[in-house]
């Protein structure tokens, strides 16, 4: 079943994500970081909570997650993430494209601080493999 291309542009409800010191410490230890700053890849945590979890569960999208491979990940940093801050995190289906028998789903996740300033914009590309 193909992805529902009519959902391109769909914005999932924003979530609030607090950058918890203990969570950052455990994440840093897991990736071998010294934890003096929030590791840049920590942004994947709110990105997954806001977007990937919801996309996988979105029956209207029609994605067969057993056929998905991660194609690309990109981050646009406006400033570092800070321990203790609350982020407003919202994911949008930026595009759905077909190339050959494969479908490419790009999610954009905006992470804004309490003043509305953008901290990080993340883009994740998932490839839904075609064929049988």
N, C-alpha and C. Protein backbone atom coordinates (compact mmCIF):
# COMPACT_ATOMS: atom_id res chain seq x y z
N UNK A 1 0.84 -1.18 0.00
CA UNK A 1 0.00 0.00 0.00
C UNK A 1 0.88 1.24 0.00
N UNK A 2 0.68 2.16 -0.94
CA UNK A 2 1.53 3.36 -0.98
C UNK A 2 1.21 4.33 0.14
N UNK A 3 2.18 5.20 0.43
CA UNK A 3 1.96 6.26 1.41
C UNK A 3 0.88 7.21 0.89
N UNK A 4 0.14 7.77 1.79
CA UNK A 4 -0.91 8.72 1.44
C UNK A 4 -0.27 10.08 1.20
N UNK A 5 -0.01 10.41 -0.06
CA UNK A 5 0.66 11.66 -0.41
C UNK A 5 -0.15 12.89 -0.04
N UNK A 6 -1.45 12.72 0.18
CA UNK A 6 -2.28 13.85 0.59
C UNK A 6 -1.90 14.36 1.99
N UNK A 7 -1.12 13.57 2.73
CA UNK A 7 -0.71 14.01 4.07
C UNK A 7 0.54 14.87 4.05
N UNK A 8 1.12 15.10 2.87
CA UNK A 8 2.26 16.01 2.80
C UNK A 8 1.83 17.36 3.37
N UNK A 9 2.62 17.88 4.29
CA UNK A 9 2.30 19.13 4.97
C UNK A 9 1.59 18.95 6.30
N UNK A 10 1.21 17.72 6.61
CA UNK A 10 0.52 17.47 7.89
C UNK A 10 1.44 17.80 9.06
N UNK A 11 0.92 18.59 9.99
CA UNK A 11 1.65 18.94 11.21
C UNK A 11 1.05 18.15 12.36
N UNK A 12 1.89 17.43 13.06
CA UNK A 12 1.44 16.70 14.25
C UNK A 12 1.42 17.68 15.42
N UNK A 13 0.55 17.47 16.40
CA UNK A 13 0.50 18.40 17.53
C UNK A 13 1.86 18.53 18.22
N UNK A 14 2.19 19.74 18.59
CA UNK A 14 3.46 20.00 19.27
C UNK A 14 3.47 19.35 20.65
N UNK A 15 4.67 18.98 21.08
CA UNK A 15 4.86 18.47 22.43
C UNK A 15 5.81 19.40 23.17
N UNK A 16 5.77 19.33 24.48
CA UNK A 16 6.73 20.04 25.31
C UNK A 16 7.76 19.01 25.78
N UNK A 17 9.03 19.36 25.64
CA UNK A 17 10.10 18.45 26.03
C UNK A 17 11.09 19.22 26.89
N UNK A 18 11.26 18.78 28.13
CA UNK A 18 12.23 19.41 29.03
C UNK A 18 13.56 18.65 28.92
N UNK A 19 14.63 19.39 28.72
CA UNK A 19 15.96 18.81 28.60
C UNK A 19 16.46 18.51 30.01
N UNK A 20 16.20 17.30 30.45
CA UNK A 20 16.49 16.86 31.81
C UNK A 20 17.97 16.50 31.96
N UNK A 21 18.59 17.00 33.03
CA UNK A 21 20.02 16.80 33.27
C UNK A 21 20.39 15.31 33.35
N UNK A 22 19.60 14.52 34.05
CA UNK A 22 19.89 13.09 34.18
C UNK A 22 19.78 12.37 32.84
N UNK A 23 18.77 12.73 32.07
CA UNK A 23 18.58 12.13 30.74
C UNK A 23 19.77 12.46 29.83
N UNK A 24 20.20 13.73 29.87
CA UNK A 24 21.37 14.15 29.07
C UNK A 24 22.61 13.38 29.51
N UNK A 25 22.81 13.24 30.83
CA UNK A 25 23.98 12.53 31.34
C UNK A 25 24.00 11.08 30.85
N UNK A 26 22.85 10.40 30.96
CA UNK A 26 22.77 9.00 30.51
C UNK A 26 22.99 8.88 29.01
N UNK A 27 22.43 9.81 28.25
CA UNK A 27 22.62 9.82 26.80
C UNK A 27 24.10 10.02 26.47
N UNK A 28 24.73 10.98 27.14
CA UNK A 28 26.16 11.26 26.89
C UNK A 28 27.02 10.05 27.22
N UNK A 29 26.73 9.39 28.33
CA UNK A 29 27.49 8.18 28.69
C UNK A 29 27.33 7.10 27.63
N UNK A 30 26.13 6.94 27.12
CA UNK A 30 25.85 5.89 26.15
C UNK A 30 26.61 6.10 24.84
N UNK A 31 26.90 7.36 24.49
CA UNK A 31 27.61 7.61 23.23
C UNK A 31 29.09 7.95 23.45
N UNK A 32 29.54 7.85 24.70
CA UNK A 32 30.94 8.11 24.99
C UNK A 32 31.32 9.57 25.04
N UNK A 33 30.34 10.43 25.30
CA UNK A 33 30.58 11.86 25.39
C UNK A 33 30.87 12.21 26.85
N UNK A 34 31.66 13.26 27.08
CA UNK A 34 31.99 13.61 28.47
C UNK A 34 30.84 14.32 29.19
N UNK A 35 29.82 14.75 28.46
CA UNK A 35 28.63 15.32 29.09
C UNK A 35 28.79 16.74 29.60
N UNK A 36 29.86 17.44 29.22
CA UNK A 36 30.01 18.82 29.68
C UNK A 36 28.99 19.74 29.01
N UNK A 37 28.58 19.38 27.80
CA UNK A 37 27.51 20.09 27.09
C UNK A 37 26.47 19.06 26.66
N UNK A 38 25.32 19.53 26.25
CA UNK A 38 24.32 18.60 25.70
C UNK A 38 24.86 18.13 24.35
N UNK A 39 25.05 16.81 24.17
CA UNK A 39 25.56 16.32 22.88
C UNK A 39 24.62 16.72 21.74
N UNK A 40 25.17 17.12 20.61
CA UNK A 40 24.31 17.54 19.49
C UNK A 40 23.29 16.47 19.08
N UNK A 41 23.69 15.22 19.14
CA UNK A 41 22.77 14.15 18.72
C UNK A 41 21.64 13.91 19.72
N UNK A 42 21.69 14.55 20.88
CA UNK A 42 20.60 14.43 21.85
C UNK A 42 19.29 14.92 21.24
N UNK A 43 19.37 15.79 20.25
CA UNK A 43 18.16 16.32 19.60
C UNK A 43 17.32 15.21 18.97
N UNK A 44 17.89 14.04 18.76
CA UNK A 44 17.10 12.93 18.21
C UNK A 44 16.04 12.46 19.21
N UNK A 45 16.26 12.68 20.50
CA UNK A 45 15.30 12.20 21.52
C UNK A 45 13.95 12.90 21.35
N UNK A 46 13.88 14.25 21.41
CA UNK A 46 12.58 14.88 21.19
C UNK A 46 12.08 14.70 19.76
N UNK A 47 12.99 14.57 18.82
CA UNK A 47 12.59 14.35 17.42
C UNK A 47 11.80 13.05 17.29
N UNK A 48 12.28 12.00 17.92
CA UNK A 48 11.59 10.70 17.86
C UNK A 48 10.25 10.78 18.58
N UNK A 49 10.23 11.40 19.75
CA UNK A 49 8.99 11.49 20.52
C UNK A 49 7.92 12.30 19.78
N UNK A 50 8.33 13.37 19.13
CA UNK A 50 7.38 14.23 18.45
C UNK A 50 6.95 13.68 17.10
N UNK A 51 7.89 13.04 16.40
CA UNK A 51 7.61 12.67 15.02
C UNK A 51 7.52 11.20 14.72
N UNK A 52 8.61 10.50 14.87
CA UNK A 52 8.66 9.12 14.42
C UNK A 52 7.60 8.26 15.09
N UNK A 53 7.45 8.39 16.39
CA UNK A 53 6.43 7.61 17.10
C UNK A 53 5.05 7.86 16.50
N UNK A 54 4.75 9.10 16.20
CA UNK A 54 3.43 9.45 15.68
C UNK A 54 3.25 9.02 14.23
N UNK A 55 4.30 9.16 13.44
CA UNK A 55 4.21 8.76 12.03
C UNK A 55 3.97 7.26 11.92
N UNK A 56 4.70 6.48 12.69
CA UNK A 56 4.54 5.03 12.66
C UNK A 56 3.11 4.65 13.04
N UNK A 57 2.53 5.37 13.99
CA UNK A 57 1.18 5.06 14.47
C UNK A 57 0.07 5.68 13.62
N UNK A 58 0.41 6.51 12.65
CA UNK A 58 -0.58 7.23 11.85
C UNK A 58 -1.17 6.31 10.78
N UNK A 59 -2.33 5.76 11.08
CA UNK A 59 -2.97 4.83 10.14
C UNK A 59 -3.33 5.50 8.82
N UNK A 60 -3.62 6.81 8.85
CA UNK A 60 -3.97 7.52 7.61
C UNK A 60 -2.79 7.60 6.65
N UNK A 61 -1.56 7.55 7.16
CA UNK A 61 -0.38 7.62 6.32
C UNK A 61 -0.17 6.32 5.55
N UNK A 62 -0.48 5.19 6.20
CA UNK A 62 -0.37 3.91 5.51
C UNK A 62 1.05 3.39 5.35
N UNK A 63 1.92 3.69 6.29
CA UNK A 63 3.31 3.26 6.19
C UNK A 63 3.50 1.87 6.79
N UNK A 64 4.10 0.98 6.03
CA UNK A 64 4.47 -0.35 6.52
C UNK A 64 5.88 -0.24 7.09
N UNK A 65 5.96 -0.09 8.41
CA UNK A 65 7.26 0.16 9.05
C UNK A 65 8.23 -1.01 8.90
N UNK A 66 7.73 -2.19 8.59
CA UNK A 66 8.62 -3.34 8.38
C UNK A 66 9.44 -3.18 7.10
N UNK A 67 9.06 -2.23 6.26
CA UNK A 67 9.75 -2.01 4.99
C UNK A 67 10.60 -0.73 5.00
N UNK A 68 10.71 -0.11 6.17
CA UNK A 68 11.38 1.19 6.28
C UNK A 68 12.86 1.05 6.63
N UNK A 69 13.68 1.83 5.94
CA UNK A 69 15.08 2.00 6.31
C UNK A 69 15.31 3.51 6.48
N UNK A 70 16.25 3.83 7.36
CA UNK A 70 16.58 5.24 7.61
C UNK A 70 17.49 5.70 6.49
N UNK A 71 17.10 6.75 5.79
CA UNK A 71 17.86 7.21 4.65
C UNK A 71 18.82 8.33 4.93
N UNK A 72 18.43 9.27 5.80
CA UNK A 72 19.26 10.45 6.02
C UNK A 72 18.79 11.16 7.28
N UNK A 73 19.70 11.90 7.88
CA UNK A 73 19.41 12.71 9.06
C UNK A 73 20.21 14.00 8.92
N UNK A 74 19.56 15.11 9.18
CA UNK A 74 20.27 16.38 9.07
C UNK A 74 19.77 17.33 10.16
N UNK A 75 20.68 18.11 10.71
CA UNK A 75 20.33 19.07 11.75
C UNK A 75 20.81 20.45 11.34
N UNK A 76 19.96 21.43 11.57
CA UNK A 76 20.32 22.83 11.36
C UNK A 76 20.28 23.48 12.74
N UNK A 77 21.46 23.83 13.24
CA UNK A 77 21.57 24.37 14.60
C UNK A 77 21.53 25.88 14.57
N UNK A 78 20.68 26.45 15.42
CA UNK A 78 20.67 27.91 15.60
C UNK A 78 21.48 28.28 16.83
N UNK A 79 21.45 27.36 17.82
CA UNK A 79 22.26 27.51 19.03
C UNK A 79 22.26 26.15 19.75
N UNK A 80 23.16 25.95 20.72
CA UNK A 80 23.18 24.68 21.45
C UNK A 80 21.92 24.49 22.30
N UNK A 81 21.54 23.24 22.49
CA UNK A 81 20.47 22.88 23.41
C UNK A 81 21.03 23.01 24.82
N UNK A 82 20.24 23.51 25.75
CA UNK A 82 20.71 23.74 27.12
C UNK A 82 19.95 22.86 28.11
N UNK A 83 20.69 22.32 29.08
CA UNK A 83 20.08 21.53 30.15
C UNK A 83 19.08 22.41 30.89
N UNK A 84 17.92 21.84 31.17
CA UNK A 84 16.89 22.52 31.95
C UNK A 84 15.86 23.28 31.13
N UNK A 85 16.15 23.54 29.86
CA UNK A 85 15.18 24.31 29.09
C UNK A 85 14.04 23.43 28.58
N UNK A 86 12.91 24.09 28.39
CA UNK A 86 11.75 23.40 27.82
C UNK A 86 11.67 23.77 26.35
N UNK A 87 11.53 22.76 25.52
CA UNK A 87 11.44 22.97 24.08
C UNK A 87 10.02 22.65 23.61
N UNK A 88 9.55 23.43 22.68
CA UNK A 88 8.31 23.12 21.97
C UNK A 88 8.76 22.41 20.70
N UNK A 89 8.30 21.18 20.53
CA UNK A 89 8.78 20.33 19.44
C UNK A 89 7.60 19.95 18.56
N UNK A 90 7.73 20.24 17.26
CA UNK A 90 6.64 19.90 16.34
C UNK A 90 7.20 19.31 15.06
N UNK A 91 6.55 18.23 14.63
CA UNK A 91 6.97 17.53 13.42
C UNK A 91 5.93 17.71 12.32
N UNK A 92 6.44 17.91 11.12
CA UNK A 92 5.62 18.08 9.92
C UNK A 92 6.11 17.10 8.87
N UNK A 93 5.16 16.51 8.14
CA UNK A 93 5.55 15.71 6.97
C UNK A 93 5.92 16.72 5.88
N UNK A 94 7.21 16.86 5.65
CA UNK A 94 7.69 17.87 4.70
C UNK A 94 7.47 17.44 3.26
N UNK A 95 7.73 16.16 2.97
CA UNK A 95 7.50 15.70 1.60
C UNK A 95 7.35 14.19 1.56
N UNK A 96 6.64 13.75 0.53
CA UNK A 96 6.50 12.33 0.20
C UNK A 96 6.76 12.23 -1.29
N UNK A 97 7.81 11.48 -1.64
CA UNK A 97 8.20 11.35 -3.05
C UNK A 97 8.38 9.88 -3.40
N UNK A 98 8.16 9.57 -4.66
CA UNK A 98 8.37 8.22 -5.17
C UNK A 98 9.53 8.25 -6.15
N UNK A 99 10.46 7.31 -5.97
CA UNK A 99 11.59 7.13 -6.89
C UNK A 99 11.67 5.65 -7.20
N UNK A 100 11.34 5.29 -8.42
CA UNK A 100 11.29 3.88 -8.77
C UNK A 100 10.20 3.21 -7.95
N UNK A 101 10.54 2.13 -7.30
CA UNK A 101 9.55 1.43 -6.48
C UNK A 101 9.61 1.84 -5.00
N UNK A 102 10.46 2.82 -4.68
CA UNK A 102 10.64 3.24 -3.30
C UNK A 102 9.96 4.59 -3.04
N UNK A 103 9.52 4.76 -1.79
CA UNK A 103 8.92 6.02 -1.37
C UNK A 103 9.84 6.68 -0.34
N UNK A 104 9.97 7.99 -0.45
CA UNK A 104 10.83 8.76 0.44
C UNK A 104 9.96 9.73 1.24
N UNK A 105 10.00 9.55 2.54
CA UNK A 105 9.22 10.38 3.46
C UNK A 105 10.19 11.25 4.24
N UNK A 106 10.04 12.57 4.13
CA UNK A 106 10.91 13.50 4.85
C UNK A 106 10.09 14.18 5.94
N UNK A 107 10.58 14.05 7.17
CA UNK A 107 9.97 14.71 8.33
C UNK A 107 10.84 15.88 8.74
N UNK A 108 10.22 17.01 9.01
CA UNK A 108 10.93 18.17 9.55
C UNK A 108 10.43 18.39 10.97
N UNK A 109 11.36 18.47 11.91
CA UNK A 109 11.00 18.70 13.30
C UNK A 109 11.63 20.01 13.76
N UNK A 110 10.78 20.94 14.17
CA UNK A 110 11.24 22.23 14.68
C UNK A 110 11.25 22.18 16.20
N UNK A 111 12.36 22.59 16.78
CA UNK A 111 12.51 22.64 18.24
C UNK A 111 12.77 24.09 18.63
N UNK A 112 11.77 24.67 19.31
CA UNK A 112 11.82 26.07 19.67
C UNK A 112 11.90 26.24 21.18
N UNK A 113 12.56 27.32 21.62
CA UNK A 113 12.65 27.59 23.05
C UNK A 113 11.39 28.29 23.54
N UNK A 114 11.35 28.60 24.81
CA UNK A 114 10.14 29.20 25.41
C UNK A 114 9.82 30.59 24.88
N UNK A 115 10.81 31.25 24.29
CA UNK A 115 10.59 32.57 23.71
C UNK A 115 10.16 32.48 22.24
N UNK A 116 10.07 31.24 21.71
CA UNK A 116 9.68 31.05 20.32
C UNK A 116 10.83 31.04 19.35
N UNK A 117 12.06 31.16 19.86
CA UNK A 117 13.23 31.13 18.99
C UNK A 117 13.58 29.70 18.60
N UNK A 118 13.92 29.50 17.35
CA UNK A 118 14.28 28.17 16.89
C UNK A 118 15.66 27.79 17.42
N UNK A 119 15.74 26.61 18.01
CA UNK A 119 17.00 26.08 18.52
C UNK A 119 17.59 25.11 17.50
N UNK A 120 16.78 24.16 17.04
CA UNK A 120 17.22 23.14 16.08
C UNK A 120 16.09 22.85 15.10
N UNK A 121 16.46 22.65 13.85
CA UNK A 121 15.54 22.10 12.86
C UNK A 121 16.17 20.78 12.41
N UNK A 122 15.41 19.69 12.58
CA UNK A 122 15.91 18.37 12.20
C UNK A 122 15.10 17.86 11.01
N UNK A 123 15.79 17.19 10.09
CA UNK A 123 15.11 16.53 8.98
C UNK A 123 15.56 15.08 8.96
N UNK A 124 14.56 14.22 8.86
CA UNK A 124 14.83 12.79 8.82
C UNK A 124 14.15 12.22 7.58
N UNK A 125 14.90 11.45 6.81
CA UNK A 125 14.35 10.80 5.62
C UNK A 125 14.22 9.32 5.88
N UNK A 126 13.00 8.83 5.67
CA UNK A 126 12.75 7.41 5.76
C UNK A 126 12.41 6.89 4.37
N UNK A 127 12.95 5.75 4.04
CA UNK A 127 12.71 5.13 2.75
C UNK A 127 11.85 3.90 2.96
N UNK A 128 10.70 3.87 2.30
CA UNK A 128 9.84 2.70 2.35
C UNK A 128 10.17 1.90 1.11
N UNK A 129 10.81 0.75 1.32
CA UNK A 129 11.26 -0.07 0.20
C UNK A 129 10.08 -0.65 -0.55
N UNK A 130 10.18 -0.59 -1.85
CA UNK A 130 9.14 -1.17 -2.70
C UNK A 130 9.44 -2.63 -2.98
N UNK A 131 8.62 -3.22 -3.80
CA UNK A 131 8.81 -4.62 -4.16
C UNK A 131 8.19 -5.54 -3.12
N UNK A 132 8.37 -6.83 -3.35
CA UNK A 132 7.76 -7.80 -2.44
C UNK A 132 8.76 -8.47 -1.56
